[in-house]
Amino acid sequence: MIFIGGSHDVFELPQGVITNIGNIVTAEHGVLIGDAPGADAEAQSLLAGYRYEHVGVFRSGGEPRNNLGDWAAYQYLHPRSGKWVETRPSHLFPNGRRKPILEAKETR
């Protein structure tokens, strides 16, 4: 399984990333990808253009913001409460990065 995710500020994937995603498709690797605008949505668009099926979309909230290939969606759950994790300051480290979430649940 290969994870693909990136910045909200990226709206054009570099050629090297496009080539790597093509190689992932050729090798038929499974892909887990984010639902955010920016790099996630751009990579989703590329995978959808290939009509690639081995993709899951992860999200932290309600419905995925982007799921361009109508793939299975997975919701990240808090390991203790079993509730999904919203993007809120209480779930961030002081440097603004998300705390790791250990479990995922298919919601489709």
PDB file of N, CA and C in Angstrom:
ATOM      1  N   MET A   1       0.851  -1.174   0.000  1.00  0.00           N
ATOM      2  CA  MET A   1       0.000   0.000   0.000  1.00  0.00           C
ATOM      3  C   MET A   1       0.896   1.236   0.000  1.00  0.00           C
ATOM      4  N   ILE A   2       0.596   2.161  -0.871  1.00  0.00           N
ATOM      5  CA  ILE A   2       1.356   3.402  -0.981  1.00  0.00           C
ATOM      6  C   ILE A   2       0.455   4.561  -0.588  1.00  0.00           C
ATOM      7  N   PHE A   3       0.956   5.414   0.279  1.00  0.00           N
ATOM      8  CA  PHE A   3       0.225   6.591   0.723  1.00  0.00           C
ATOM      9  C   PHE A   3       0.606   7.782  -0.147  1.00  0.00           C
ATOM     10  N   ILE A   4      -0.402   8.513  -0.619  1.00  0.00           N
ATOM     11  CA  ILE A   4      -0.156   9.733  -1.381  1.00  0.00           C
ATOM     12  C   ILE A   4      -0.881  10.873  -0.687  1.00  0.00           C
ATOM     13  N   GLY A   5      -0.167  11.925  -0.385  1.00  0.00           N
ATOM     14  CA  GLY A   5      -0.758  13.109   0.228  1.00  0.00           C
ATOM     15  C   GLY A   5       0.187  14.273   0.054  1.00  0.00           C
ATOM     16  N   GLY A   6      -0.350  15.465   0.148  1.00  0.00           N
ATOM     17  CA  GLY A   6       0.511  16.622  -0.033  1.00  0.00           C
ATOM     18  C   GLY A   6      -0.157  17.910   0.379  1.00  0.00           C
ATOM     19  N   SER A   7       0.463  18.978   0.023  1.00  0.00           N
ATOM     20  CA  SER A   7       0.080  20.319   0.445  1.00  0.00           C
ATOM     21  C   SER A   7      -1.227  20.782  -0.194  1.00  0.00           C
ATOM     22  N   HIS A   8      -1.969  21.571   0.562  1.00  0.00           N
ATOM     23  CA  HIS A   8      -3.171  22.226   0.038  1.00  0.00           C
ATOM     24  C   HIS A   8      -2.791  23.278  -1.003  1.00  0.00           C
ATOM     25  N   ASP A   9      -1.550  23.727  -0.980  1.00  0.00           N
ATOM     26  CA  ASP A   9      -1.095  24.816  -1.857  1.00  0.00           C
ATOM     27  C   ASP A   9      -0.586  24.335  -3.213  1.00  0.00           C
ATOM     28  N   VAL A  10      -0.549  23.030  -3.450  1.00  0.00           N
ATOM     29  CA  VAL A  10      -0.041  22.482  -4.711  1.00  0.00           C
ATOM     30  C   VAL A  10      -1.219  22.191  -5.631  1.00  0.00           C
ATOM     31  N   PHE A  11      -1.255  22.863  -6.779  1.00  0.00           N
ATOM     32  CA  PHE A  11      -2.337  22.640  -7.730  1.00  0.00           C
ATOM     33  C   PHE A  11      -1.833  22.172  -9.086  1.00  0.00           C
ATOM     34  N   GLU A  12      -0.537  21.888  -9.159  1.00  0.00           N
ATOM     35  CA  GLU A  12       0.044  21.282 -10.347  1.00  0.00           C
ATOM     36  C   GLU A  12       1.154  20.353  -9.877  1.00  0.00           C
ATOM     37  N   LEU A  13       0.968  19.061 -10.118  1.00  0.00           N
ATOM     38  CA  LEU A  13       1.951  18.086  -9.659  1.00  0.00           C
ATOM     39  C   LEU A  13       3.224  18.179 -10.484  1.00  0.00           C
ATOM     40  N   PRO A  14       4.383  18.087  -9.835  1.00  0.00           N
ATOM     41  CA  PRO A  14       5.649  18.060 -10.581  1.00  0.00           C
ATOM     42  C   PRO A  14       5.718  16.819 -11.477  1.00  0.00           C
ATOM     43  N   GLN A  15       6.453  16.924 -12.563  1.00  0.00           N
ATOM     44  CA  GLN A  15       6.567  15.820 -13.511  1.00  0.00           C
ATOM     45  C   GLN A  15       7.050  14.538 -12.839  1.00  0.00           C
ATOM     46  N   GLY A  16       7.965  14.642 -11.898  1.00  0.00           N
ATOM     47  CA  GLY A  16       8.460  13.449 -11.208  1.00  0.00           C
ATOM     48  C   GLY A  16       7.364  12.718 -10.440  1.00  0.00           C
ATOM     49  N   VAL A  17       6.465  13.470  -9.838  1.00  0.00           N
ATOM     50  CA  VAL A  17       5.335  12.868  -9.115  1.00  0.00           C
ATOM     51  C   VAL A  17       4.385  12.204 -10.110  1.00  0.00           C
ATOM     52  N   ILE A  18       4.121  12.855 -11.218  1.00  0.00           N
ATOM     53  CA  ILE A  18       3.252  12.283 -12.247  1.00  0.00           C
ATOM     54  C   ILE A  18       3.839  10.964 -12.755  1.00  0.00           C
ATOM     55  N   THR A  19       5.139  10.946 -12.991  1.00  0.00           N
ATOM     56  CA  THR A  19       5.820   9.723 -13.430  1.00  0.00           C
ATOM     57  C   THR A  19       5.714   8.635 -12.369  1.00  0.00           C
ATOM     58  N   ASN A  20       5.934   8.999 -11.102  1.00  0.00           N
ATOM     59  CA  ASN A  20       5.855   8.013 -10.018  1.00  0.00           C
ATOM     60  C   ASN A  20       4.454   7.429  -9.897  1.00  0.00           C
ATOM     61  N   ILE A  21       3.428   8.254 -10.035  1.00  0.00           N
ATOM     62  CA  ILE A  21       2.056   7.742  -9.969  1.00  0.00           C
ATOM     63  C   ILE A  21       1.800   6.797 -11.149  1.00  0.00           C
ATOM     64  N   GLY A  22       2.301   7.115 -12.323  1.00  0.00           N
ATOM     65  CA  GLY A  22       2.195   6.202 -13.464  1.00  0.00           C
ATOM     66  C   GLY A  22       2.860   4.869 -13.176  1.00  0.00           C
ATOM     67  N   ASN A  23       4.012   4.904 -12.517  1.00  0.00           N
ATOM     68  CA  ASN A  23       4.713   3.669 -12.143  1.00  0.00           C
ATOM     69  C   ASN A  23       3.922   2.865 -11.113  1.00  0.00           C
ATOM     70  N   ILE A  24       3.267   3.550 -10.191  1.00  0.00           N
ATOM     71  CA  ILE A  24       2.419   2.883  -9.190  1.00  0.00           C
ATOM     72  C   ILE A  24       1.278   2.149  -9.887  1.00  0.00           C
ATOM     73  N   VAL A  25       0.666   2.800 -10.849  1.00  0.00           N
ATOM     74  CA  VAL A  25      -0.436   2.200 -11.599  1.00  0.00           C
ATOM     75  C   VAL A  25       0.060   0.990 -12.390  1.00  0.00           C
ATOM     76  N   THR A  26       1.180   1.143 -13.067  1.00  0.00           N
ATOM     77  CA  THR A  26       1.744   0.036 -13.855  1.00  0.00           C
ATOM     78  C   THR A  26       2.038  -1.174 -12.979  1.00  0.00           C
ATOM     79  N   ALA A  27       2.555  -0.926 -11.763  1.00  0.00           N
ATOM     80  CA  ALA A  27       2.896  -2.007 -10.841  1.00  0.00           C
ATOM     81  C   ALA A  27       1.674  -2.524 -10.073  1.00  0.00           C
ATOM     82  N   GLU A  28       0.536  -1.868 -10.240  1.00  0.00           N
ATOM     83  CA  GLU A  28      -0.718  -2.252  -9.600  1.00  0.00           C
ATOM     84  C   GLU A  28      -0.637  -2.264  -8.076  1.00  0.00           C
ATOM     85  N   HIS A  29       0.049  -1.266  -7.516  1.00  0.00           N
ATOM     86  CA  HIS A  29       0.098  -1.116  -6.064  1.00  0.00           C
ATOM     87  C   HIS A  29      -1.216  -0.548  -5.557  1.00  0.00           C
ATOM     88  N   GLY A  30      -1.583  -0.890  -4.329  1.00  0.00           N
ATOM     89  CA  GLY A  30      -2.716  -0.252  -3.676  1.00  0.00           C
ATOM     90  C   GLY A  30      -2.317   1.153  -3.251  1.00  0.00           C
ATOM     91  N   VAL A  31      -3.272   2.073  -3.287  1.00  0.00           N
ATOM     92  CA  VAL A  31      -3.004   3.473  -2.946  1.00  0.00           C
ATOM     93  C   VAL A  31      -4.004   3.933  -1.895  1.00  0.00           C
ATOM     94  N   LEU A  32      -3.510   4.616  -0.885  1.00  0.00           N
ATOM     95  CA  LEU A  32      -4.339   5.322   0.085  1.00  0.00           C
ATOM     96  C   LEU A  32      -4.023   6.790  -0.100  1.00  0.00           C
ATOM     97  N   ILE A  33      -5.054   7.598  -0.328  1.00  0.00           N
ATOM     98  CA  ILE A  33      -4.852   8.996  -0.691  1.00  0.00           C
ATOM     99  C   ILE A  33      -5.773   9.885   0.130  1.00  0.00           C
ATOM    100  N   GLY A  34      -5.330  11.092   0.388  1.00  0.00           N
ATOM    101  CA  GLY A  34      -6.132  12.050   1.136  1.00  0.00           C
ATOM    102  C   GLY A  34      -7.265  12.632   0.318  1.00  0.00           C
ATOM    103  N   ASP A  35      -8.148  13.368   1.010  1.00  0.00           N
ATOM    104  CA  ASP A  35      -9.321  13.958   0.358  1.00  0.00           C
ATOM    105  C   ASP A  35      -9.244  15.472   0.238  1.00  0.00           C
ATOM    106  N   ALA A  36      -8.122  16.056   0.608  1.00  0.00           N
ATOM    107  CA  ALA A  36      -7.992  17.513   0.666  1.00  0.00           C
ATOM    108  C   ALA A  36      -7.855  18.136  -0.723  1.00  0.00           C
ATOM    109  N   PRO A  37      -8.212  19.424  -0.816  1.00  0.00           N
ATOM    110  CA  PRO A  37      -7.917  20.141  -2.057  1.00  0.00           C
ATOM    111  C   PRO A  37      -6.406  20.282  -2.213  1.00  0.00           C
ATOM    112  N   GLY A  38      -5.948  20.587  -3.380  1.00  0.00           N
ATOM    113  CA  GLY A  38      -4.512  20.744  -3.616  1.00  0.00           C
ATOM    114  C   GLY A  38      -3.916  19.467  -4.145  1.00  0.00           C
ATOM    115  N   ALA A  39      -2.787  19.056  -3.581  1.00  0.00           N
ATOM    116  CA  ALA A  39      -2.053  17.895  -4.084  1.00  0.00           C
ATOM    117  C   ALA A  39      -2.883  16.620  -4.041  1.00  0.00           C
ATOM    118  N   ASP A  40      -3.658  16.420  -2.962  1.00  0.00           N
ATOM    119  CA  ASP A  40      -4.485  15.211  -2.877  1.00  0.00           C
ATOM    120  C   ASP A  40      -5.450  15.139  -4.059  1.00  0.00           C
ATOM    121  N   ALA A  41      -6.167  16.228  -4.304  1.00  0.00           N
ATOM    122  CA  ALA A  41      -7.155  16.246  -5.390  1.00  0.00           C
ATOM    123  C   ALA A  41      -6.480  16.106  -6.756  1.00  0.00           C
ATOM    124  N   GLU A  42      -5.313  16.720  -6.916  1.00  0.00           N
ATOM    125  CA  GLU A  42      -4.594  16.595  -8.189  1.00  0.00           C
ATOM    126  C   GLU A  42      -4.165  15.155  -8.435  1.00  0.00           C
ATOM    127  N   ALA A  43      -3.652  14.492  -7.401  1.00  0.00           N
ATOM    128  CA  ALA A  43      -3.252  13.089  -7.548  1.00  0.00           C
ATOM    129  C   ALA A  43      -4.477  12.204  -7.774  1.00  0.00           C
ATOM    130  N   GLN A  44      -5.582  12.505  -7.085  1.00  0.00           N
ATOM    131  CA  GLN A  44      -6.824  11.759  -7.330  1.00  0.00           C
ATOM    132  C   GLN A  44      -7.257  11.898  -8.787  1.00  0.00           C
ATOM    133  N   SER A  45      -7.173  13.104  -9.311  1.00  0.00           N
ATOM    134  CA  SER A  45      -7.560  13.349 -10.702  1.00  0.00           C
ATOM    135  C   SER A  45      -6.727  12.503 -11.662  1.00  0.00           C
ATOM    136  N   LEU A  46      -5.436  12.428 -11.392  1.00  0.00           N
ATOM    137  CA  LEU A  46      -4.548  11.622 -12.231  1.00  0.00           C
ATOM    138  C   LEU A  46      -4.921  10.144 -12.154  1.00  0.00           C
ATOM    139  N   LEU A  47      -5.131   9.634 -10.938  1.00  0.00           N
ATOM    140  CA  LEU A  47      -5.514   8.228 -10.766  1.00  0.00           C
ATOM    141  C   LEU A  47      -6.876   7.937 -11.399  1.00  0.00           C
ATOM    142  N   ALA A  48      -7.807   8.857 -11.270  1.00  0.00           N
ATOM    143  CA  ALA A  48      -9.129   8.678 -11.893  1.00  0.00           C
ATOM    144  C   ALA A  48      -9.000   8.659 -13.418  1.00  0.00           C
ATOM    145  N   GLY A  49      -8.091   9.480 -13.949  1.00  0.00           N
ATOM    146  CA  GLY A  49      -7.853   9.492 -15.392  1.00  0.00           C
ATOM    147  C   GLY A  49      -7.333   8.160 -15.903  1.00  0.00           C
ATOM    148  N   TYR A  50      -6.582   7.462 -15.070  1.00  0.00           N
ATOM    149  CA  TYR A  50      -6.124   6.110 -15.409  1.00  0.00           C
ATOM    150  C   TYR A  50      -7.235   5.076 -15.215  1.00  0.00           C
ATOM    151  N   ARG A  51      -8.342   5.496 -14.623  1.00  0.00           N
ATOM    152  CA  ARG A  51      -9.426   4.587 -14.231  1.00  0.00           C
ATOM    153  C   ARG A  51      -8.888   3.512 -13.278  1.00  0.00           C
ATOM    154  N   TYR A  52      -8.007   3.948 -12.389  1.00  0.00           N
ATOM    155  CA  TYR A  52      -7.345   3.031 -11.464  1.00  0.00           C
ATOM    156  C   TYR A  52      -8.286   2.695 -10.320  1.00  0.00           C
ATOM    157  N   GLU A  53      -8.394   1.416 -10.009  1.00  0.00           N
ATOM    158  CA  GLU A  53      -9.368   0.955  -9.020  1.00  0.00           C
ATOM    159  C   GLU A  53      -8.781   0.653  -7.653  1.00  0.00           C
ATOM    160  N   HIS A  54      -7.482   0.471  -7.537  1.00  0.00           N
ATOM    161  CA  HIS A  54      -6.871   0.038  -6.277  1.00  0.00           C
ATOM    162  C   HIS A  54      -6.565   1.239  -5.383  1.00  0.00           C
ATOM    163  N   VAL A  55      -7.618   2.017  -5.071  1.00  0.00           N
ATOM    164  CA  VAL A  55      -7.452   3.274  -4.344  1.00  0.00           C
ATOM    165  C   VAL A  55      -8.449   3.332  -3.201  1.00  0.00           C
ATOM    166  N   GLY A  56      -8.005   3.823  -2.062  1.00  0.00           N
ATOM    167  CA  GLY A  56      -8.880   4.157  -0.947  1.00  0.00           C
ATOM    168  C   GLY A  56      -8.642   5.610  -0.579  1.00  0.00           C
ATOM    169  N   VAL A  57      -9.688   6.314  -0.187  1.00  0.00           N
ATOM    170  CA  VAL A  57      -9.596   7.726   0.193  1.00  0.00           C
ATOM    171  C   VAL A  57      -9.774   7.823   1.694  1.00  0.00           C
ATOM    172  N   PHE A  58      -8.806   8.460   2.371  1.00  0.00           N
ATOM    173  CA  PHE A  58      -8.962   8.634   3.813  1.00  0.00           C
ATOM    174  C   PHE A  58      -9.437  10.043   4.111  1.00  0.00           C
ATOM    175  N   ARG A  59     -10.192  10.127   5.189  1.00  0.00           N
ATOM    176  CA  ARG A  59     -10.752  11.405   5.599  1.00  0.00           C
ATOM    177  C   ARG A  59     -10.818  11.443   7.115  1.00  0.00           C
ATOM    178  N   SER A  60     -10.907  12.625   7.664  1.00  0.00           N
ATOM    179  CA  SER A  60     -11.002  12.750   9.114  1.00  0.00           C
ATOM    180  C   SER A  60     -12.378  13.210   9.553  1.00  0.00           C
ATOM    181  N   GLY A  61     -13.208  13.628   8.617  1.00  0.00           N
ATOM    182  CA  GLY A  61     -14.517  14.144   8.976  1.00  0.00           C
ATOM    183  C   GLY A  61     -15.636  13.381   8.311  1.00  0.00           C
ATOM    184  N   GLY A  62     -16.718  14.093   7.982  1.00  0.00           N
ATOM    185  CA  GLY A  62     -17.906  13.492   7.372  1.00  0.00           C
ATOM    186  C   GLY A  62     -17.603  12.908   6.011  1.00  0.00           C
ATOM    187  N   GLU A  63     -18.313  13.345   4.995  1.00  0.00           N
ATOM    188  CA  GLU A  63     -18.076  12.862   3.641  1.00  0.00           C
ATOM    189  C   GLU A  63     -16.733  13.380   3.132  1.00  0.00           C
ATOM    190  N   PRO A  64     -16.046  12.596   2.281  1.00  0.00           N
ATOM    191  CA  PRO A  64     -14.781  13.078   1.721  1.00  0.00           C
ATOM    192  C   PRO A  64     -14.982  14.383   0.955  1.00  0.00           C
ATOM    193  N   ARG A  65     -14.043  15.296   1.100  1.00  0.00           N
ATOM    194  CA  ARG A  65     -14.107  16.552   0.355  1.00  0.00           C
ATOM    195  C   ARG A  65     -13.898  16.304  -1.128  1.00  0.00           C
ATOM    196  N   ASN A  66     -13.046  15.351  -1.444  1.00  0.00           N
ATOM    197  CA  ASN A  66     -12.785  14.949  -2.823  1.00  0.00           C
ATOM    198  C   ASN A  66     -12.694  13.427  -2.869  1.00  0.00           C
ATOM    199  N   ASN A  67     -13.402  12.830  -3.799  1.00  0.00           N
ATOM    200  CA  ASN A  67     -13.306  11.402  -4.083  1.00  0.00           C
ATOM    201  C   ASN A  67     -13.621  11.252  -5.571  1.00  0.00           C
ATOM    202  N   LEU A  68     -12.647  11.636  -6.381  1.00  0.00           N
ATOM    203  CA  LEU A  68     -12.865  11.795  -7.817  1.00  0.00           C
ATOM    204  C   LEU A  68     -13.024  10.483  -8.582  1.00  0.00           C
ATOM    205  N   GLY A  69     -12.631   9.374  -7.968  1.00  0.00           N
ATOM    206  CA  GLY A  69     -12.781   8.069  -8.612  1.00  0.00           C
ATOM    207  C   GLY A  69     -13.880   7.233  -7.991  1.00  0.00           C
ATOM    208  N   ASP A  70     -14.652   7.829  -7.084  1.00  0.00           N
ATOM    209  CA  ASP A  70     -15.719   7.118  -6.377  1.00  0.00           C
ATOM    210  C   ASP A  70     -15.179   5.838  -5.733  1.00  0.00           C
ATOM    211  N   TRP A  71     -14.024   5.956  -5.080  1.00  0.00           N
ATOM    212  CA  TRP A  71     -13.372   4.837  -4.414  1.00  0.00           C
ATOM    213  C   TRP A  71     -13.937   4.647  -3.008  1.00  0.00           C
ATOM    214  N   ALA A  72     -13.564   3.555  -2.367  1.00  0.00           N
ATOM    215  CA  ALA A  72     -13.929   3.330  -0.967  1.00  0.00           C
ATOM    216  C   ALA A  72     -13.329   4.455  -0.118  1.00  0.00           C
ATOM    217  N   ALA A  73     -14.098   4.922   0.867  1.00  0.00           N
ATOM    218  CA  ALA A  73     -13.631   5.988   1.748  1.00  0.00           C
ATOM    219  C   ALA A  73     -13.401   5.423   3.144  1.00  0.00           C
ATOM    220  N   TYR A  74     -12.318   5.847   3.772  1.00  0.00           N
ATOM    221  CA  TYR A  74     -11.957   5.377   5.104  1.00  0.00           C
ATOM    222  C   TYR A  74     -11.880   6.565   6.043  1.00  0.00           C
ATOM    223  N   GLN A  75     -12.466   6.397   7.197  1.00  0.00           N
ATOM    224  CA  GLN A  75     -12.538   7.452   8.192  1.00  0.00           C
ATOM    225  C   GLN A  75     -11.568   7.104   9.312  1.00  0.00           C
ATOM    226  N   TYR A  76     -10.732   8.067   9.694  1.00  0.00           N
ATOM    227  CA  TYR A  76      -9.787   7.829  10.769  1.00  0.00           C
ATOM    228  C   TYR A  76     -10.478   7.972  12.098  1.00  0.00           C
ATOM    229  N   LEU A  77     -10.291   6.993  12.955  1.00  0.00           N
ATOM    230  CA  LEU A  77     -10.920   6.975  14.266  1.00  0.00           C
ATOM    231  C   LEU A  77      -9.880   7.160  15.359  1.00  0.00           C
ATOM    232  N   HIS A  78     -10.288   7.838  16.418  1.00  0.00           N
ATOM    233  CA  HIS A  78      -9.420   7.988  17.578  1.00  0.00           C
ATOM    234  C   HIS A  78      -9.272   6.615  18.222  1.00  0.00           C
ATOM    235  N   PRO A  79      -8.053   6.186  18.548  1.00  0.00           N
ATOM    236  CA  PRO A  79      -7.848   4.829  19.035  1.00  0.00           C
ATOM    237  C   PRO A  79      -8.539   4.534  20.372  1.00  0.00           C
ATOM    238  N   ARG A  80      -8.777   5.538  21.196  1.00  0.00           N
ATOM    239  CA  ARG A  80      -9.420   5.288  22.492  1.00  0.00           C
ATOM    240  C   ARG A  80     -10.931   5.487  22.441  1.00  0.00           C
ATOM    241  N   SER A  81     -11.374   6.566  21.827  1.00  0.00           N
ATOM    242  CA  SER A  81     -12.802   6.871  21.845  1.00  0.00           C
ATOM    243  C   SER A  81     -13.565   6.160  20.739  1.00  0.00           C
ATOM    244  N   GLY A  82     -12.885   5.781  19.653  1.00  0.00           N
ATOM    245  CA  GLY A  82     -13.558   5.179  18.519  1.00  0.00           C
ATOM    246  C   GLY A  82     -14.331   6.187  17.688  1.00  0.00           C
ATOM    247  N   LYS A  83     -14.213   7.475  18.034  1.00  0.00           N
ATOM    248  CA  LYS A  83     -14.900   8.525  17.291  1.00  0.00           C
ATOM    249  C   LYS A  83     -13.968   9.090  16.235  1.00  0.00           C
ATOM    250  N   TRP A  84     -14.547   9.619  15.149  1.00  0.00           N
ATOM    251  CA  TRP A  84     -13.708  10.192  14.119  1.00  0.00           C
ATOM    252  C   TRP A  84     -13.118  11.497  14.589  1.00  0.00           C
ATOM    253  N   VAL A  85     -11.983  11.793  14.036  1.00  0.00           N
ATOM    254  CA  VAL A  85     -11.186  12.934  14.467  1.00  0.00           C
ATOM    255  C   VAL A  85     -11.422  14.097  13.524  1.00  0.00           C
ATOM    256  N   GLU A  86     -11.865  15.191  14.063  1.00  0.00           N
ATOM    257  CA  GLU A  86     -12.053  16.417  13.291  1.00  0.00           C
ATOM    258  C   GLU A  86     -10.707  17.129  13.198  1.00  0.00           C
ATOM    259  N   THR A  87     -10.568  17.994  12.213  1.00  0.00           N
ATOM    260  CA  THR A  87      -9.376  18.828  12.131  1.00  0.00           C
ATOM    261  C   THR A  87      -9.602  20.021  13.056  1.00  0.00           C
ATOM    262  N   ARG A  88      -9.141  19.882  14.281  1.00  0.00           N
ATOM    263  CA  ARG A  88      -9.301  20.924  15.299  1.00  0.00           C
ATOM    264  C   ARG A  88      -7.966  21.099  15.998  1.00  0.00           C
ATOM    265  N   PRO A  89      -7.720  22.260  16.576  1.00  0.00           N
ATOM    266  CA  PRO A  89      -6.456  22.471  17.278  1.00  0.00           C
ATOM    267  C   PRO A  89      -6.182  21.446  18.371  1.00  0.00           C
ATOM    268  N   SER A  90      -7.211  20.896  19.010  1.00  0.00           N
ATOM    269  CA  SER A  90      -6.979  19.924  20.081  1.00  0.00           C
ATOM    270  C   SER A  90      -6.381  18.625  19.561  1.00  0.00           C
ATOM    271  N   HIS A  91      -6.436  18.405  18.263  1.00  0.00           N
ATOM    272  CA  HIS A  91      -5.865  17.192  17.679  1.00  0.00           C
ATOM    273  C   HIS A  91      -4.551  17.462  16.961  1.00  0.00           C
ATOM    274  N   LEU A  92      -3.937  18.597  17.255  1.00  0.00           N
ATOM    275  CA  LEU A  92      -2.685  18.955  16.607  1.00  0.00           C
ATOM    276  C   LEU A  92      -1.571  19.069  17.624  1.00  0.00           C
ATOM    277  N   PHE A  93      -0.381  18.754  17.200  1.00  0.00           N
ATOM    278  CA  PHE A  93       0.796  19.029  18.007  1.00  0.00           C
ATOM    279  C   PHE A  93       1.048  20.533  17.988  1.00  0.00           C
ATOM    280  N   PRO A  94       1.862  21.046  18.913  1.00  0.00           N
ATOM    281  CA  PRO A  94       2.135  22.488  18.924  1.00  0.00           C
ATOM    282  C   PRO A  94       2.679  23.029  17.607  1.00  0.00           C
ATOM    283  N   ASN A  95       3.375  22.194  16.829  1.00  0.00           N
ATOM    284  CA  ASN A  95       3.922  22.664  15.551  1.00  0.00           C
ATOM    285  C   ASN A  95       2.878  22.684  14.442  1.00  0.00           C
ATOM    286  N   GLY A  96       1.606  22.353  14.766  1.00  0.00           N
ATOM    287  CA  GLY A  96       0.537  22.393  13.785  1.00  0.00           C
ATOM    288  C   GLY A  96       0.323  21.092  13.036  1.00  0.00           C
ATOM    289  N   ARG A  97       1.183  20.100  13.251  1.00  0.00           N
ATOM    290  CA  ARG A  97       1.041  18.809  12.563  1.00  0.00           C
ATOM    291  C   ARG A  97       0.045  17.942  13.318  1.00  0.00           C
ATOM    292  N   ARG A  98      -0.649  17.082  12.575  1.00  0.00           N
ATOM    293  CA  ARG A  98      -1.623  16.194  13.193  1.00  0.00           C
ATOM    294  C   ARG A  98      -0.944  15.150  14.060  1.00  0.00           C
ATOM    295  N   LYS A  99      -1.620  14.797  15.150  1.00  0.00           N
ATOM    296  CA  LYS A  99      -1.190  13.661  15.945  1.00  0.00           C
ATOM    297  C   LYS A  99      -1.503  12.396  15.144  1.00  0.00           C
ATOM    298  N   PRO A 100      -0.702  11.356  15.283  1.00  0.00           N
ATOM    299  CA  PRO A 100      -0.962  10.134  14.518  1.00  0.00           C
ATOM    300  C   PRO A 100      -2.261   9.451  14.967  1.00  0.00           C
ATOM    301  N   ILE A 101      -2.998   8.962  14.016  1.00  0.00           N
ATOM    302  CA  ILE A 101      -4.218   8.215  14.267  1.00  0.00           C
ATOM    303  C   ILE A 101      -3.940   6.769  13.848  1.00  0.00           C
ATOM    304  N   LEU A 102      -4.295   5.835  14.684  1.00  0.00           N
ATOM    305  CA  LEU A 102      -3.830   4.474  14.484  1.00  0.00           C
ATOM    306  C   LEU A 102      -4.824   3.539  13.805  1.00  0.00           C
ATOM    307  N   GLU A 103      -6.095   3.908  13.740  1.00  0.00           N
ATOM    308  CA  GLU A 103      -7.090   2.991  13.193  1.00  0.00           C
ATOM    309  C   GLU A 103      -7.847   3.649  12.045  1.00  0.00           C
ATOM    310  N   ALA A 104      -8.306   2.854  11.148  1.00  0.00           N
ATOM    311  CA  ALA A 104      -9.157   3.346  10.053  1.00  0.00           C
ATOM    312  C   ALA A 104     -10.349   2.420   9.922  1.00  0.00           C
ATOM    313  N   LYS A 105     -11.473   2.951   9.512  1.00  0.00           N
ATOM    314  CA  LYS A 105     -12.691   2.189   9.352  1.00  0.00           C
ATOM    315  C   LYS A 105     -13.268   2.488   7.981  1.00  0.00           C
ATOM    316  N   GLU A 106     -13.577   1.434   7.229  1.00  0.00           N
ATOM    317  CA  GLU A 106     -14.199   1.658   5.926  1.00  0.00           C
ATOM    318  C   GLU A 106     -15.624   2.133   6.152  1.00  0.00           C
ATOM    319  N   THR A 107     -16.035   3.163   5.410  1.00  0.00           N
ATOM    320  CA  THR A 107     -17.353   3.744   5.632  1.00  0.00           C
ATOM    321  C   THR A 107     -18.245   3.646   4.402  1.00  0.00           C
ATOM    322  N   ARG A 108     -17.873   2.843   3.495  1.00  0.00           N
ATOM    323  CA  ARG A 108     -18.656   2.721   2.263  1.00  0.00           C
ATOM    324  C   ARG A 108     -19.433   1.440   2.230  1.00  0.00           C
TER     325      ARG A 108
END
